[in-house]
Amino acid sequence: MKIAIVIGSTISSIKDRAIMDTKLLVCQPADETGKQIGKPYVAIDLVDAGTGDLVLTCHGSAARQTPITKDTPTDAVIMAVIDHLELDGDIVYKMS
């Protein structure tokens, strides 16, 4: 699993039939405080996340293990929205 922040969405009217009814969100990798790092990527949203949400994403073959994405051309999914992150007893991120 990786931490990312949702920075936007994408509309694709022409796509593989297996992912036709999915919502595609643009994610950017983030550190544990929500600071954006790395290059953006697109992920299938499984949990109704939205722009600005800090999320957990799953990649590669693990992304194809859900009922929605099984046997689909999927490389990344959003599988959770993070409410807060605690590290060493300190809350380093809290959803606003």
Protein backbone atom coordinates (compact mmCIF):
# COMPACT_ATOMS: atom_id res chain seq x y z
CA MET A 1 0.00 0.00 0.00
CA LYS A 2 1.07 3.55 -0.69
CA ILE A 3 -0.11 6.92 0.59
CA ALA A 4 -1.34 9.43 -2.00
CA ILE A 5 -3.43 12.56 -2.25
CA VAL A 6 -6.22 12.85 -4.81
CA ILE A 7 -5.43 15.87 -6.98
CA GLY A 8 -8.10 15.54 -9.65
CA SER A 9 -10.26 13.32 -11.78
CA THR A 10 -10.30 12.15 -15.35
CA ILE A 11 -13.12 11.39 -17.74
CA SER A 12 -12.62 8.68 -20.33
CA SER A 13 -15.61 7.93 -22.55
CA ILE A 14 -13.67 5.30 -24.49
CA LYS A 15 -12.06 2.63 -22.29
CA ASP A 16 -11.82 -1.10 -21.85
CA ARG A 17 -15.24 -2.62 -21.24
CA ALA A 18 -14.00 -4.27 -18.03
CA ILE A 19 -13.51 -0.87 -16.36
CA MET A 20 -16.37 0.98 -18.08
CA ASP A 21 -18.32 1.73 -14.87
CA THR A 22 -15.37 2.87 -12.75
CA LYS A 23 -14.39 6.34 -11.51
CA LEU A 24 -10.82 7.34 -12.36
CA LEU A 25 -8.98 9.74 -10.05
CA VAL A 26 -5.59 11.38 -10.43
CA CYS A 27 -3.38 10.65 -7.41
CA GLN A 28 -0.02 12.01 -6.40
CA PRO A 29 2.22 10.11 -4.01
CA ALA A 30 2.43 11.76 -0.59
CA ASP A 31 4.42 11.40 2.59
CA GLU A 32 2.85 10.59 5.97
CA THR A 33 1.92 14.26 6.54
CA GLY A 34 0.14 14.62 3.20
CA LYS A 35 2.96 16.52 1.46
CA GLN A 36 2.91 15.75 -2.26
CA ILE A 37 5.95 13.94 -3.67
CA GLY A 38 6.60 12.05 -6.87
CA LYS A 39 4.72 11.89 -10.15
CA PRO A 40 0.92 11.68 -10.50
CA TYR A 41 -0.87 8.55 -11.68
CA VAL A 42 -4.46 7.48 -12.30
CA ALA A 43 -6.23 4.98 -10.03
CA ILE A 44 -9.64 3.35 -10.02
CA ASP A 45 -11.62 4.66 -7.05
CA LEU A 46 -13.25 1.88 -5.01
CA VAL A 47 -14.33 3.99 -2.01
CA ASP A 48 -15.84 7.24 -3.37
CA ALA A 49 -12.79 9.38 -2.58
CA GLY A 50 -12.59 12.97 -3.76
CA THR A 51 -10.13 15.71 -4.60
CA GLY A 52 -8.02 16.61 -1.57
CA ASP A 53 -8.48 13.27 0.20
CA LEU A 54 -5.43 11.46 1.55
CA VAL A 55 -5.85 7.85 0.46
CA LEU A 56 -4.25 4.41 0.51
CA THR A 57 -3.59 2.95 -2.90
CA CYS A 58 -2.69 -0.55 -4.00
CA HIS A 59 -0.66 -1.29 -7.14
CA GLY A 60 0.21 -4.03 -9.59
CA SER A 61 -1.31 -7.47 -9.25
CA ALA A 62 -2.68 -6.57 -5.78
CA ALA A 63 -4.84 -3.91 -7.45
CA ARG A 64 -6.60 -6.66 -9.39
CA GLN A 65 -7.70 -8.62 -6.31
CA THR A 66 -11.00 -6.79 -5.65
CA PRO A 67 -14.40 -7.92 -6.95
CA ILE A 68 -14.55 -4.79 -9.15
CA THR A 69 -11.05 -5.07 -10.63
CA LYS A 70 -10.52 -8.84 -10.84
CA ASP A 71 -9.19 -9.79 -14.28
CA THR A 72 -9.16 -6.17 -15.51
CA PRO A 73 -6.35 -4.04 -16.98
CA THR A 74 -5.80 -2.24 -13.67
CA ASP A 75 -2.53 -1.11 -12.13
CA ALA A 76 -3.71 1.12 -9.25
CA VAL A 77 -6.79 1.34 -7.03
CA ILE A 78 -7.85 3.61 -4.19
CA MET A 79 -8.92 1.28 -1.40
CA ALA A 80 -9.22 3.58 1.63
CA VAL A 81 -9.58 7.23 2.64
CA ILE A 82 -7.29 8.11 5.54
CA ASP A 83 -8.93 9.82 8.55
CA HIS A 84 -5.70 10.25 10.48
CA LEU A 85 -2.17 8.89 10.65
CA GLU A 86 -0.38 8.22 13.91
CA LEU A 87 3.38 7.59 14.03
CA ASP A 88 5.27 6.90 17.26
CA GLY A 89 2.30 8.13 19.29
CA ASP A 90 1.98 11.43 17.42
CA ILE A 91 -0.84 12.24 15.01
CA VAL A 92 0.99 13.50 11.92
CA TYR A 93 -2.09 13.86 9.70
CA LYS A 94 -5.73 14.48 10.52
CA MET A 95 -8.47 14.91 7.94
CA SER A 96 -9.81 18.45 8.04
